[in-house]
Amino acid sequence: QVQLVESGGGLVQPGGSLALSCAASGSISSINGMSWYRQGPGKQRELVAIISRVGVPQYANSVKGRFTISRDNAKNTVYLQMNSLKPEDTAVYYCNTVPLQAWGQGTQVTVSS
């Protein structure tokens, strides 16, 4: 089993930036891809970005060009750099792996003036 701990959320004004981190521990040899999801108020959890073991990223259309996913395999950590943030990006952000593991607590991102 893999444990996931997200960090880096907070309150930011529209147009601002935040950087999220997620550290994985446990049975990390089973990890292939890593990903970020988010769940906004009253919404279903959605996939934001995913990165393969060799570093190939894919993004949801809603964040393409604004968010960047990256990973450090040596540190078993995945990152999400979020730029040009919008109020609709407000959500709890979760990381996970491929295949999916138990969800962590997530980190709150609030975009508001």
Protein backbone atom coordinates (compact mmCIF):
# COMPACT_ATOMS: atom_id res chain seq x y z
CA GLN A 1 0.00 0.00 0.00
CA VAL A 2 1.09 3.57 -0.73
CA GLN A 3 0.58 6.54 1.56
CA LEU A 4 0.15 9.99 0.02
CA VAL A 5 0.64 13.34 1.74
CA GLU A 6 -0.27 16.55 -0.09
CA SER A 7 0.94 20.02 0.85
CA GLY A 8 1.20 23.56 -0.47
CA GLY A 9 -2.39 24.73 -0.68
CA GLY A 10 -3.65 28.08 0.50
CA LEU A 11 -5.48 31.27 -0.37
CA VAL A 12 -4.42 33.17 -3.46
CA GLN A 13 -5.85 36.02 -5.50
CA PRO A 14 -7.06 35.46 -9.06
CA GLY A 15 -4.11 35.48 -11.43
CA GLY A 16 -1.76 34.25 -8.72
CA SER A 17 0.29 31.08 -8.43
CA LEU A 18 0.63 28.16 -6.05
CA ALA A 19 2.85 25.09 -6.01
CA LEU A 20 1.59 21.80 -4.60
CA SER A 21 3.68 18.82 -3.54
CA CYS A 22 2.78 15.21 -2.83
CA ALA A 23 5.09 12.73 -1.19
CA ALA A 24 4.49 9.00 -1.62
CA SER A 25 5.71 6.36 0.80
CA GLY A 26 5.17 2.66 1.37
CA SER A 27 5.00 0.19 -1.51
CA ILE A 28 6.37 2.70 -4.00
CA SER A 29 7.72 0.03 -6.34
CA SER A 30 4.13 -0.49 -7.47
CA ILE A 31 3.80 3.13 -8.64
CA ASN A 32 3.63 3.75 -12.35
CA GLY A 33 2.04 7.10 -13.18
CA MET A 34 1.22 9.84 -10.70
CA SER A 35 -1.65 12.27 -10.87
CA TRP A 36 -3.49 15.23 -9.39
CA TYR A 37 -7.24 15.37 -8.91
CA ARG A 38 -9.46 18.07 -7.47
CA GLN A 39 -12.93 18.31 -5.99
CA GLY A 40 -14.61 21.69 -5.98
CA PRO A 41 -17.58 22.66 -3.79
CA GLY A 42 -20.61 20.61 -4.83
CA LYS A 43 -18.69 18.96 -7.65
CA GLN A 44 -17.39 15.49 -8.39
CA ARG A 45 -13.71 14.72 -8.12
CA GLU A 46 -12.00 15.28 -11.46
CA LEU A 47 -8.62 14.45 -12.94
CA VAL A 48 -6.46 17.54 -13.39
CA ALA A 49 -3.13 16.18 -14.60
CA ILE A 50 -1.25 12.91 -14.88
CA ILE A 51 2.40 12.13 -15.51
CA SER A 52 3.88 8.82 -16.58
CA ARG A 53 6.84 7.10 -14.95
CA VAL A 54 9.09 8.55 -17.66
CA GLY A 55 7.67 12.05 -17.30
CA VAL A 56 5.11 12.41 -20.08
CA PRO A 57 2.33 14.75 -18.85
CA GLN A 58 -1.32 15.06 -19.79
CA TYR A 59 -3.74 17.76 -18.65
CA ALA A 60 -7.43 18.44 -18.40
CA ASN A 61 -8.50 21.05 -20.94
CA SER A 62 -9.51 23.39 -18.14
CA VAL A 63 -5.93 23.72 -16.85
CA LYS A 64 -3.88 23.21 -20.00
CA GLY A 65 -1.35 26.01 -20.43
CA ARG A 66 -1.71 27.14 -16.79
CA PHE A 67 -0.73 24.10 -14.71
CA THR A 68 2.45 22.03 -14.91
CA ILE A 69 2.86 18.56 -13.41
CA SER A 70 6.30 17.17 -12.69
CA ARG A 71 7.81 14.39 -10.62
CA ASP A 72 11.02 13.48 -8.85
CA ASN A 73 11.29 9.70 -8.88
CA ALA A 74 14.25 9.76 -6.49
CA LYS A 75 12.12 11.57 -3.91
CA ASN A 76 8.87 9.76 -4.79
CA THR A 77 7.27 13.18 -5.08
CA VAL A 78 4.92 14.73 -7.60
CA TYR A 79 4.43 18.46 -8.00
CA LEU A 80 1.76 20.71 -9.48
CA GLN A 81 2.71 24.27 -10.39
CA MET A 82 -0.45 26.30 -10.82
CA ASN A 83 -0.29 29.68 -12.55
CA SER A 84 -2.93 32.19 -13.65
CA LEU A 85 -5.31 30.79 -11.07
CA LYS A 86 -9.05 31.41 -11.44
CA PRO A 87 -11.85 31.29 -8.87
CA GLU A 88 -13.11 28.11 -10.55
CA ASP A 89 -9.84 26.41 -9.60
CA THR A 90 -10.97 26.53 -5.96
CA ALA A 91 -11.05 22.94 -4.73
CA VAL A 92 -9.43 20.35 -2.52
CA TYR A 93 -6.52 18.95 -4.50
CA TYR A 94 -5.51 15.30 -4.13
CA CYS A 95 -2.66 13.34 -5.59
CA ASN A 96 -2.77 9.67 -6.44
CA THR A 97 -0.90 7.04 -8.35
CA VAL A 98 -1.47 4.68 -11.25
CA PRO A 99 -2.89 2.30 -10.17
CA LEU A 100 -5.09 4.21 -7.72
CA GLN A 101 -4.35 3.99 -4.01
CA ALA A 102 -6.28 5.10 -0.95
CA TRP A 103 -6.88 8.85 -1.02
CA GLY A 104 -4.95 11.19 1.22
CA GLN A 105 -6.43 14.20 3.02
CA GLY A 106 -5.82 16.57 0.15
CA THR A 107 -4.86 20.23 0.33
CA GLN A 108 -7.27 23.15 0.02
CA VAL A 109 -6.73 25.71 -2.72
CA THR A 110 -8.89 28.82 -2.58
CA VAL A 111 -8.75 31.45 -5.31
CA SER A 112 -10.49 34.60 -4.22
CA SER A 113 -10.02 38.35 -4.04
